[in-house]
Amino acid sequence: MNDLFKIVINNYASYDEDASKTFGVYSHTVTPPEPFTCVKSQRMYARLFYVVSGEIIFNKDTDKELSAPSGSIVFLPEDVTYKSQWSIKEEGCYITFIFIPNAFYITLPEQICIATIDVDGSFLQMFSKALDIWNTGALGYKLEVLSELYKILHKLYLDSSYKQIKSKYKSIYKGILYIENHYLEEFDISKIAKMCNLSESSFRRHFKEYKKMSPITYRNYLRIKKAKELIESGEYNATEAAISVNIPDICYFHKLFKKFYNATPGKFIP
């Protein structure tokens, strides 16, 4: 490795003057205490809070009351005021990821909410693995834990997107997901329709009703959208981008670009 190439992990898992943690994974078992109140400026970091056992209630007896039973992943934004209290019925246990959202190139909710309910235990495995890595503290563990956090956020994003697509597109959501995950490939519409338990004509009709375009047009749109991103990166010219998205006919590529963006690829060269 070149001696000039060195990775330094700073900010994360550091401590400010008040010894406030800004990054890490922690777990606690709690016997229901008195209600806890967090006030603005007390915790300048966000949390993904996995309820391993028990039940915790946020903002009890208010119009924003949120009950989180075991298996819940609660998102707690940074710099918010709230009250929380564990149920007195049983001992509680949680694993929490703390981090600064602004450093992650993502936008997260501004209010306390349940990100998801872990129905199959897959998230618990991910949180537990991150906690293990953090507690072991081997060489590069902060970077490895950061990687685990991105995996959790990625899974939360996918699960949320799938639910929205299923709710909005109902009978054809499997077909839409398939196209969005395989748009660089050639595919058979009849097979996708069969995946949705529909005839090809019904699938095409429903698809156009929901997406306002045909399945092939949607596939082409996704290809051109990706090509635009490649060109904007400055690492690809138009020809290279066209080949990368499986549109080797450069004239057709320009035609599609004009159709979807009313401009030539050159407009997006940085």
C-alpha atoms as a PDB file:
ATOM      1  CA  MET A   1       0.000   0.000   0.000  1.00  0.00           C
ATOM      2  CA  ASN A   2       1.210   3.511  -0.771  1.00  0.00           C
ATOM      3  CA  ASP A   3       2.483   5.125   2.429  1.00  0.00           C
ATOM      4  CA  LEU A   4       0.620   8.301   1.467  1.00  0.00           C
ATOM      5  CA  PHE A   5      -2.718   6.501   1.645  1.00  0.00           C
ATOM      6  CA  LYS A   6      -3.874   6.529   5.242  1.00  0.00           C
ATOM      7  CA  ILE A   7      -7.389   6.354   6.646  1.00  0.00           C
ATOM      8  CA  VAL A   8      -8.111   8.293   9.794  1.00  0.00           C
ATOM      9  CA  ILE A   9     -11.493   7.916  11.453  1.00  0.00           C
ATOM     10  CA  ASN A  10     -12.286  11.073  13.351  1.00  0.00           C
ATOM     11  CA  ASN A  11     -15.394  12.649  14.887  1.00  0.00           C
ATOM     12  CA  TYR A  12     -17.103   9.282  15.310  1.00  0.00           C
ATOM     13  CA  ALA A  13     -16.892   7.717  18.756  1.00  0.00           C
ATOM     14  CA  SER A  14     -15.242  10.862  20.011  1.00  0.00           C
ATOM     15  CA  TYR A  15     -16.147  12.832  23.088  1.00  0.00           C
ATOM     16  CA  ASP A  16     -16.845  16.524  23.388  1.00  0.00           C
ATOM     17  CA  GLU A  17     -16.218  18.633  26.482  1.00  0.00           C
ATOM     18  CA  ASP A  18     -19.334  17.187  28.127  1.00  0.00           C
ATOM     19  CA  ALA A  19     -18.226  13.626  27.327  1.00  0.00           C
ATOM     20  CA  SER A  20     -21.262  13.203  25.055  1.00  0.00           C
ATOM     21  CA  LYS A  21     -20.891  10.254  22.698  1.00  0.00           C
ATOM     22  CA  THR A  22     -21.428  10.940  19.003  1.00  0.00           C
ATOM     23  CA  PHE A  23     -21.081   7.468  17.510  1.00  0.00           C
ATOM     24  CA  GLY A  24     -21.287   3.941  18.828  1.00  0.00           C
ATOM     25  CA  VAL A  25     -23.389   0.897  19.643  1.00  0.00           C
ATOM     26  CA  TYR A  26     -24.589   0.238  23.168  1.00  0.00           C
ATOM     27  CA  SER A  27     -26.905  -2.135  24.980  1.00  0.00           C
ATOM     28  CA  HIS A  28     -28.635  -1.904  28.341  1.00  0.00           C
ATOM     29  CA  THR A  29     -31.078  -3.887  30.411  1.00  0.00           C
ATOM     30  CA  VAL A  30     -33.416  -1.681  32.423  1.00  0.00           C
ATOM     31  CA  THR A  31     -35.757  -2.220  35.325  1.00  0.00           C
ATOM     32  CA  PRO A  32     -38.598   0.234  34.688  1.00  0.00           C
ATOM     33  CA  PRO A  33     -37.348   3.525  36.176  1.00  0.00           C
ATOM     34  CA  GLU A  34     -39.039   6.865  36.547  1.00  0.00           C
ATOM     35  CA  PRO A  35     -39.887   8.604  33.248  1.00  0.00           C
ATOM     36  CA  PHE A  36     -36.853   9.949  31.398  1.00  0.00           C
ATOM     37  CA  THR A  37     -36.922  13.417  29.856  1.00  0.00           C
ATOM     38  CA  CYS A  38     -34.582  14.446  27.043  1.00  0.00           C
ATOM     39  CA  VAL A  39     -34.449  18.158  26.269  1.00  0.00           C
ATOM     40  CA  LYS A  40     -33.190  19.946  23.168  1.00  0.00           C
ATOM     41  CA  SER A  41     -29.410  20.349  23.022  1.00  0.00           C
ATOM     42  CA  GLN A  42     -28.940  17.522  25.515  1.00  0.00           C
ATOM     43  CA  ARG A  43     -28.240  14.876  22.864  1.00  0.00           C
ATOM     44  CA  MET A  44     -26.805  16.203  19.624  1.00  0.00           C
ATOM     45  CA  TYR A  45     -26.918  12.861  17.889  1.00  0.00           C
ATOM     46  CA  ALA A  46     -29.605  10.630  16.441  1.00  0.00           C
ATOM     47  CA  ARG A  47     -30.369   7.076  17.513  1.00  0.00           C
ATOM     48  CA  LEU A  48     -31.693   3.868  16.041  1.00  0.00           C
ATOM     49  CA  PHE A  49     -33.156   2.223  19.108  1.00  0.00           C
ATOM     50  CA  TYR A  50     -33.902  -1.524  18.914  1.00  0.00           C
ATOM     51  CA  VAL A  51     -36.311  -2.737  21.615  1.00  0.00           C
ATOM     52  CA  VAL A  52     -35.023  -6.240  22.370  1.00  0.00           C
ATOM     53  CA  SER A  53     -37.539  -6.933  25.136  1.00  0.00           C
ATOM     54  CA  GLY A  54     -40.169  -5.061  27.082  1.00  0.00           C
ATOM     55  CA  GLU A  55     -42.057  -2.014  25.841  1.00  0.00           C
ATOM     56  CA  ILE A  56     -41.099   1.642  25.908  1.00  0.00           C
ATOM     57  CA  ILE A  57     -43.505   4.529  25.484  1.00  0.00           C
ATOM     58  CA  PHE A  58     -42.423   7.912  24.166  1.00  0.00           C
ATOM     59  CA  ASN A  59     -44.369  11.106  24.964  1.00  0.00           C
ATOM     60  CA  LYS A  60     -46.871   9.245  27.135  1.00  0.00           C
ATOM     61  CA  ASP A  61     -50.300  10.855  27.598  1.00  0.00           C
ATOM     62  CA  THR A  62     -49.767  13.318  24.748  1.00  0.00           C
ATOM     63  CA  ASP A  63     -51.125  13.428  21.213  1.00  0.00           C
ATOM     64  CA  LYS A  64     -47.672  12.262  20.065  1.00  0.00           C
ATOM     65  CA  GLU A  65     -47.599   9.143  22.247  1.00  0.00           C
ATOM     66  CA  LEU A  66     -45.681   6.314  20.617  1.00  0.00           C
ATOM     67  CA  SER A  67     -45.639   2.779  21.988  1.00  0.00           C
ATOM     68  CA  ALA A  68     -42.717   0.579  20.928  1.00  0.00           C
ATOM     69  CA  PRO A  69     -42.998  -3.114  21.874  1.00  0.00           C
ATOM     70  CA  SER A  70     -40.182  -5.646  21.516  1.00  0.00           C
ATOM     71  CA  GLY A  71     -38.969  -5.941  17.925  1.00  0.00           C
ATOM     72  CA  SER A  72     -39.509  -2.239  17.231  1.00  0.00           C
ATOM     73  CA  ILE A  73     -36.775  -0.086  15.758  1.00  0.00           C
ATOM     74  CA  VAL A  74     -37.398   3.471  16.884  1.00  0.00           C
ATOM     75  CA  PHE A  75     -35.721   6.423  15.191  1.00  0.00           C
ATOM     76  CA  LEU A  76     -34.887   9.250  17.590  1.00  0.00           C
ATOM     77  CA  PRO A  77     -33.738  12.421  15.789  1.00  0.00           C
ATOM     78  CA  GLU A  78     -30.954  14.569  17.151  1.00  0.00           C
ATOM     79  CA  ASP A  79     -31.680  17.640  19.243  1.00  0.00           C
ATOM     80  CA  VAL A  80     -35.311  16.881  20.185  1.00  0.00           C
ATOM     81  CA  THR A  81     -37.282  17.066  23.414  1.00  0.00           C
ATOM     82  CA  TYR A  82     -39.220  14.014  24.532  1.00  0.00           C
ATOM     83  CA  LYS A  83     -40.259  11.931  27.513  1.00  0.00           C
ATOM     84  CA  SER A  84     -39.991   8.179  27.641  1.00  0.00           C
ATOM     85  CA  GLN A  85     -40.918   5.463  30.102  1.00  0.00           C
ATOM     86  CA  TRP A  86     -40.584   1.684  30.087  1.00  0.00           C
ATOM     87  CA  SER A  87     -43.642  -0.399  30.815  1.00  0.00           C
ATOM     88  CA  ILE A  88     -43.776  -1.682  34.388  1.00  0.00           C
ATOM     89  CA  LYS A  89     -44.880  -5.130  33.207  1.00  0.00           C
ATOM     90  CA  GLU A  90     -41.428  -6.525  32.501  1.00  0.00           C
ATOM     91  CA  GLU A  91     -37.727  -5.787  32.399  1.00  0.00           C
ATOM     92  CA  GLY A  92     -36.651  -3.930  29.284  1.00  0.00           C
ATOM     93  CA  CYS A  93     -33.611  -4.398  27.075  1.00  0.00           C
ATOM     94  CA  TYR A  94     -32.380  -2.410  24.083  1.00  0.00           C
ATOM     95  CA  ILE A  95     -29.516  -1.974  21.641  1.00  0.00           C
ATOM     96  CA  THR A  96     -28.947   1.546  20.380  1.00  0.00           C
ATOM     97  CA  PHE A  97     -26.889   2.955  17.515  1.00  0.00           C
ATOM     98  CA  ILE A  98     -25.946   6.611  17.988  1.00  0.00           C
ATOM     99  CA  PHE A  99     -24.668   8.728  15.112  1.00  0.00           C
ATOM    100  CA  ILE A 100     -24.721  12.168  13.520  1.00  0.00           C
ATOM    101  CA  PRO A 101     -27.082  12.060  10.475  1.00  0.00           C
ATOM    102  CA  ASN A 102     -25.475  15.007   8.666  1.00  0.00           C
ATOM    103  CA  ALA A 103     -22.363  12.907   8.104  1.00  0.00           C
ATOM    104  CA  PHE A 104     -24.225  10.167   6.225  1.00  0.00           C
ATOM    105  CA  TYR A 105     -25.419  11.868   3.001  1.00  0.00           C
ATOM    106  CA  ILE A 106     -28.997  10.859   3.788  1.00  0.00           C
ATOM    107  CA  THR A 107     -32.162  12.579   4.963  1.00  0.00           C
ATOM    108  CA  LEU A 108     -33.948  11.076   7.947  1.00  0.00           C
ATOM    109  CA  PRO A 109     -37.264  11.984   9.635  1.00  0.00           C
ATOM    110  CA  GLU A 110     -37.464  15.003  11.935  1.00  0.00           C
ATOM    111  CA  GLN A 111     -39.811  13.337  14.414  1.00  0.00           C
ATOM    112  CA  ILE A 112     -39.651  10.260  16.618  1.00  0.00           C
ATOM    113  CA  CYS A 113     -41.085   7.307  14.712  1.00  0.00           C
ATOM    114  CA  ILE A 114     -41.008   3.550  14.450  1.00  0.00           C
ATOM    115  CA  ALA A 115     -38.774   2.751  11.484  1.00  0.00           C
ATOM    116  CA  THR A 116     -39.992  -0.841  11.277  1.00  0.00           C
ATOM    117  CA  ILE A 117     -41.042  -3.902  13.248  1.00  0.00           C
ATOM    118  CA  ASP A 118     -38.516  -6.729  13.013  1.00  0.00           C
ATOM    119  CA  VAL A 119     -40.837  -9.630  12.214  1.00  0.00           C
ATOM    120  CA  ASP A 120     -38.186 -12.240  11.390  1.00  0.00           C
ATOM    121  CA  GLY A 121     -35.300 -11.246  13.650  1.00  0.00           C
ATOM    122  CA  SER A 122     -33.043 -10.187  10.776  1.00  0.00           C
ATOM    123  CA  PHE A 123     -32.536  -6.680  12.167  1.00  0.00           C
ATOM    124  CA  LEU A 124     -31.744  -8.048  15.621  1.00  0.00           C
ATOM    125  CA  GLN A 125     -28.943 -10.098  14.067  1.00  0.00           C
ATOM    126  CA  MET A 126     -27.565  -6.965  12.405  1.00  0.00           C
ATOM    127  CA  PHE A 127     -27.734  -4.861  15.575  1.00  0.00           C
ATOM    128  CA  SER A 128     -26.178  -7.681  17.630  1.00  0.00           C
ATOM    129  CA  LYS A 129     -23.331  -8.090  15.140  1.00  0.00           C
ATOM    130  CA  ALA A 130     -22.590  -4.352  15.259  1.00  0.00           C
ATOM    131  CA  LEU A 131     -22.643  -4.428  19.074  1.00  0.00           C
ATOM    132  CA  ASP A 132     -20.243  -7.391  19.054  1.00  0.00           C
ATOM    133  CA  ILE A 133     -17.826  -5.571  16.747  1.00  0.00           C
ATOM    134  CA  TRP A 134     -18.013  -2.421  18.870  1.00  0.00           C
ATOM    135  CA  ASN A 135     -17.413  -4.251  22.149  1.00  0.00           C
ATOM    136  CA  THR A 136     -14.527  -6.310  20.737  1.00  0.00           C
ATOM    137  CA  GLY A 137     -12.771  -3.185  19.491  1.00  0.00           C
ATOM    138  CA  ALA A 138     -10.449  -4.890  17.008  1.00  0.00           C
ATOM    139  CA  LEU A 139      -8.305  -2.899  14.565  1.00  0.00           C
ATOM    140  CA  GLY A 140     -10.562  -0.811  12.322  1.00  0.00           C
ATOM    141  CA  TYR A 141     -13.679  -1.613  14.366  1.00  0.00           C
ATOM    142  CA  LYS A 142     -15.158   1.886  14.047  1.00  0.00           C
ATOM    143  CA  LEU A 143     -15.070   1.668  10.262  1.00  0.00           C
ATOM    144  CA  GLU A 144     -16.578  -1.840  10.387  1.00  0.00           C
ATOM    145  CA  VAL A 145     -19.375  -0.645  12.679  1.00  0.00           C
ATOM    146  CA  LEU A 146     -20.007   2.275  10.338  1.00  0.00           C
ATOM    147  CA  SER A 147     -20.381  -0.264   7.524  1.00  0.00           C
ATOM    148  CA  GLU A 148     -22.915  -2.214   9.606  1.00  0.00           C
ATOM    149  CA  LEU A 149     -24.920   0.958  10.231  1.00  0.00           C
ATOM    150  CA  TYR A 150     -25.098   1.630   6.490  1.00  0.00           C
ATOM    151  CA  LYS A 151     -26.329  -1.943   5.968  1.00  0.00           C
ATOM    152  CA  ILE A 152     -29.088  -1.399   8.518  1.00  0.00           C
ATOM    153  CA  LEU A 153     -30.105   1.914   6.931  1.00  0.00           C
ATOM    154  CA  HIS A 154     -30.028   0.278   3.491  1.00  0.00           C
ATOM    155  CA  LYS A 155     -32.328  -2.530   4.631  1.00  0.00           C
ATOM    156  CA  LEU A 156     -34.684  -0.054   6.296  1.00  0.00           C
ATOM    157  CA  TYR A 157     -34.794   1.939   3.053  1.00  0.00           C
ATOM    158  CA  LEU A 158     -35.506  -1.141   0.923  1.00  0.00           C
ATOM    159  CA  ASP A 159     -38.183  -2.464   3.279  1.00  0.00           C
ATOM    160  CA  SER A 160     -39.887   0.936   3.385  1.00  0.00           C
ATOM    161  CA  SER A 161     -39.719   1.306  -0.414  1.00  0.00           C
ATOM    162  CA  TYR A 162     -41.142  -2.178  -0.987  1.00  0.00           C
ATOM    163  CA  LYS A 163     -44.062  -1.466   1.360  1.00  0.00           C
ATOM    164  CA  GLN A 164     -44.836   1.800  -0.418  1.00  0.00           C
ATOM    165  CA  ILE A 165     -44.661   0.176  -3.853  1.00  0.00           C
ATOM    166  CA  LYS A 166     -46.852  -2.721  -2.713  1.00  0.00           C
ATOM    167  CA  SER A 167     -49.420  -0.343  -1.255  1.00  0.00           C
ATOM    168  CA  LYS A 168     -49.468   1.974  -4.261  1.00  0.00           C
ATOM    169  CA  TYR A 169     -49.193  -0.489  -7.127  1.00  0.00           C
ATOM    170  CA  LYS A 170     -50.978  -3.471  -5.602  1.00  0.00           C
ATOM    171  CA  SER A 171     -51.329  -6.242  -8.180  1.00  0.00           C
ATOM    172  CA  ILE A 172     -48.232  -5.321 -10.214  1.00  0.00           C
ATOM    173  CA  TYR A 173     -45.778  -4.306  -7.496  1.00  0.00           C
ATOM    174  CA  LYS A 174     -43.685  -7.463  -8.001  1.00  0.00           C
ATOM    175  CA  GLY A 175     -43.297  -6.596 -11.668  1.00  0.00           C
ATOM    176  CA  ILE A 176     -42.275  -3.018 -10.912  1.00  0.00           C
ATOM    177  CA  LEU A 177     -39.694  -4.195  -8.387  1.00  0.00           C
ATOM    178  CA  TYR A 178     -38.358  -6.712 -10.898  1.00  0.00           C
ATOM    179  CA  ILE A 179     -37.942  -4.061 -13.600  1.00  0.00           C
ATOM    180  CA  GLU A 180     -36.297  -1.614 -11.173  1.00  0.00           C
ATOM    181  CA  ASN A 181     -33.811  -4.285 -10.098  1.00  0.00           C
ATOM    182  CA  HIS A 182     -33.096  -5.635 -13.611  1.00  0.00           C
ATOM    183  CA  TYR A 183     -33.487  -2.604 -15.891  1.00  0.00           C
ATOM    184  CA  LEU A 184     -30.031  -3.110 -17.420  1.00  0.00           C
ATOM    185  CA  GLU A 185     -31.078  -6.544 -18.671  1.00  0.00           C
ATOM    186  CA  GLU A 186     -33.393  -7.645 -21.445  1.00  0.00           C
ATOM    187  CA  PHE A 187     -36.547  -9.261 -20.073  1.00  0.00           C
ATOM    188  CA  ASP A 188     -39.744 -10.940 -21.191  1.00  0.00           C
ATOM    189  CA  ILE A 189     -42.889  -8.994 -20.257  1.00  0.00           C
ATOM    190  CA  SER A 190     -45.010 -12.137 -20.338  1.00  0.00           C
ATOM    191  CA  LYS A 191     -42.825 -13.719 -17.643  1.00  0.00           C
ATOM    192  CA  ILE A 192     -43.073 -10.601 -15.487  1.00  0.00           C
ATOM    193  CA  ALA A 193     -46.845 -10.613 -15.912  1.00  0.00           C
ATOM    194  CA  LYS A 194     -46.935 -14.247 -14.822  1.00  0.00           C
ATOM    195  CA  MET A 195     -44.955 -13.261 -11.736  1.00  0.00           C
ATOM    196  CA  CYS A 196     -47.890 -10.962 -10.879  1.00  0.00           C
ATOM    197  CA  ASN A 197     -50.512 -13.636 -11.694  1.00  0.00           C
ATOM    198  CA  LEU A 198     -51.784 -11.517 -14.590  1.00  0.00           C
ATOM    199  CA  SER A 199     -52.056 -11.935 -18.321  1.00  0.00           C
ATOM    200  CA  GLU A 200     -49.586  -9.900 -20.347  1.00  0.00           C
ATOM    201  CA  SER A 201     -52.314  -7.555 -21.605  1.00  0.00           C
ATOM    202  CA  SER A 202     -53.653  -6.961 -18.069  1.00  0.00           C
ATOM    203  CA  PHE A 203     -50.156  -6.320 -16.740  1.00  0.00           C
ATOM    204  CA  ARG A 204     -49.437  -3.811 -19.508  1.00  0.00           C
ATOM    205  CA  ARG A 205     -52.767  -2.069 -18.901  1.00  0.00           C
ATOM    206  CA  HIS A 206     -52.249  -1.792 -15.140  1.00  0.00           C
ATOM    207  CA  PHE A 207     -48.640  -0.726 -15.596  1.00  0.00           C
ATOM    208  CA  LYS A 208     -49.597   2.125 -17.896  1.00  0.00           C
ATOM    209  CA  GLU A 209     -52.378   3.132 -15.524  1.00  0.00           C
ATOM    210  CA  TYR A 210     -49.965   3.403 -12.602  1.00  0.00           C
ATOM    211  CA  LYS A 211     -46.740   4.556 -14.261  1.00  0.00           C
ATOM    212  CA  LYS A 212     -48.199   6.514 -17.200  1.00  0.00           C
ATOM    213  CA  MET A 213     -45.864   4.659 -19.561  1.00  0.00           C
ATOM    214  CA  SER A 214     -45.283   1.147 -20.874  1.00  0.00           C
ATOM    215  CA  PRO A 215     -42.947  -1.313 -19.096  1.00  0.00           C
ATOM    216  CA  ILE A 216     -40.305  -0.953 -21.841  1.00  0.00           C
ATOM    217  CA  THR A 217     -40.512   2.833 -21.765  1.00  0.00           C
ATOM    218  CA  TYR A 218     -40.068   2.703 -17.995  1.00  0.00           C
ATOM    219  CA  ARG A 219     -37.046   0.445 -18.407  1.00  0.00           C
ATOM    220  CA  ASN A 220     -35.552   2.911 -20.904  1.00  0.00           C
ATOM    221  CA  TYR A 221     -36.273   5.789 -18.526  1.00  0.00           C
ATOM    222  CA  LEU A 222     -34.347   4.013 -15.743  1.00  0.00           C
ATOM    223  CA  ARG A 223     -31.433   3.392 -18.124  1.00  0.00           C
ATOM    224  CA  ILE A 224     -31.254   7.023 -19.224  1.00  0.00           C
ATOM    225  CA  LYS A 225     -31.596   8.213 -15.629  1.00  0.00           C
ATOM    226  CA  LYS A 226     -28.601   6.075 -14.684  1.00  0.00           C
ATOM    227  CA  ALA A 227     -26.653   7.272 -17.746  1.00  0.00           C
ATOM    228  CA  LYS A 228     -27.297  10.868 -16.699  1.00  0.00           C
ATOM    229  CA  GLU A 229     -25.822  10.105 -13.260  1.00  0.00           C
ATOM    230  CA  LEU A 230     -22.745   8.543 -14.880  1.00  0.00           C
ATOM    231  CA  ILE A 231     -22.207  11.559 -17.140  1.00  0.00           C
ATOM    232  CA  GLU A 232     -22.692  13.979 -14.233  1.00  0.00           C
ATOM    233  CA  SER A 233     -19.969  12.131 -12.318  1.00  0.00           C
ATOM    234  CA  GLY A 234     -17.421  13.333 -14.869  1.00  0.00           C
ATOM    235  CA  GLU A 235     -16.028   9.798 -15.210  1.00  0.00           C
ATOM    236  CA  TYR A 236     -18.023   8.827 -18.325  1.00  0.00           C
ATOM    237  CA  ASN A 237     -18.605  10.458 -21.678  1.00  0.00           C
ATOM    238  CA  ALA A 238     -21.897   9.911 -23.520  1.00  0.00           C
ATOM    239  CA  THR A 239     -20.693   6.868 -25.460  1.00  0.00           C
ATOM    240  CA  GLU A 240     -19.320   5.170 -22.352  1.00  0.00           C
ATOM    241  CA  ALA A 241     -22.497   5.902 -20.414  1.00  0.00           C
ATOM    242  CA  ALA A 242     -24.649   4.538 -23.247  1.00  0.00           C
ATOM    243  CA  ILE A 243     -22.713   1.271 -23.312  1.00  0.00           C
ATOM    244  CA  SER A 244     -22.839   1.016 -19.509  1.00  0.00           C
ATOM    245  CA  VAL A 245     -26.646   1.156 -19.494  1.00  0.00           C
ATOM    246  CA  ASN A 246     -26.960  -1.345 -22.350  1.00  0.00           C
ATOM    247  CA  ILE A 247     -27.902   1.114 -25.110  1.00  0.00           C
ATOM    248  CA  PRO A 248     -25.003   0.639 -27.555  1.00  0.00           C
ATOM    249  CA  ASP A 249     -26.788   2.494 -30.395  1.00  0.00           C
ATOM    250  CA  ILE A 250     -25.556   6.039 -29.684  1.00  0.00           C
ATOM    251  CA  CYS A 251     -28.145   7.647 -31.983  1.00  0.00           C
ATOM    252  CA  TYR A 252     -30.964   5.870 -30.157  1.00  0.00           C
ATOM    253  CA  PHE A 253     -29.321   6.854 -26.859  1.00  0.00           C
ATOM    254  CA  HIS A 254     -29.417  10.544 -27.823  1.00  0.00           C
ATOM    255  CA  LYS A 255     -33.035  10.156 -28.940  1.00  0.00           C
ATOM    256  CA  LEU A 256     -34.057   8.693 -25.593  1.00  0.00           C
ATOM    257  CA  PHE A 257     -32.113  11.366 -23.727  1.00  0.00           C
ATOM    258  CA  LYS A 258     -33.976  14.071 -25.618  1.00  0.00           C
ATOM    259  CA  LYS A 259     -37.284  12.334 -24.891  1.00  0.00           C
ATOM    260  CA  PHE A 260     -36.825  12.093 -21.123  1.00  0.00           C
ATOM    261  CA  TYR A 261     -34.753  15.201 -20.370  1.00  0.00           C
ATOM    262  CA  ASN A 262     -35.435  17.423 -23.377  1.00  0.00           C
ATOM    263  CA  ALA A 263     -31.697  17.935 -23.690  1.00  0.00           C
ATOM    264  CA  THR A 264     -28.586  16.273 -25.076  1.00  0.00           C
ATOM    265  CA  PRO A 265     -26.186  14.313 -22.820  1.00  0.00           C
ATOM    266  CA  GLY A 266     -23.649  17.118 -23.263  1.00  0.00           C
ATOM    267  CA  LYS A 267     -25.762  19.408 -21.092  1.00  0.00           C
ATOM    268  CA  PHE A 268     -24.937  17.261 -18.059  1.00  0.00           C
ATOM    269  CA  ILE A 269     -21.171  17.117 -18.487  1.00  0.00           C
ATOM    270  CA  PRO A 270     -19.685  18.828 -15.394  1.00  0.00           C
END
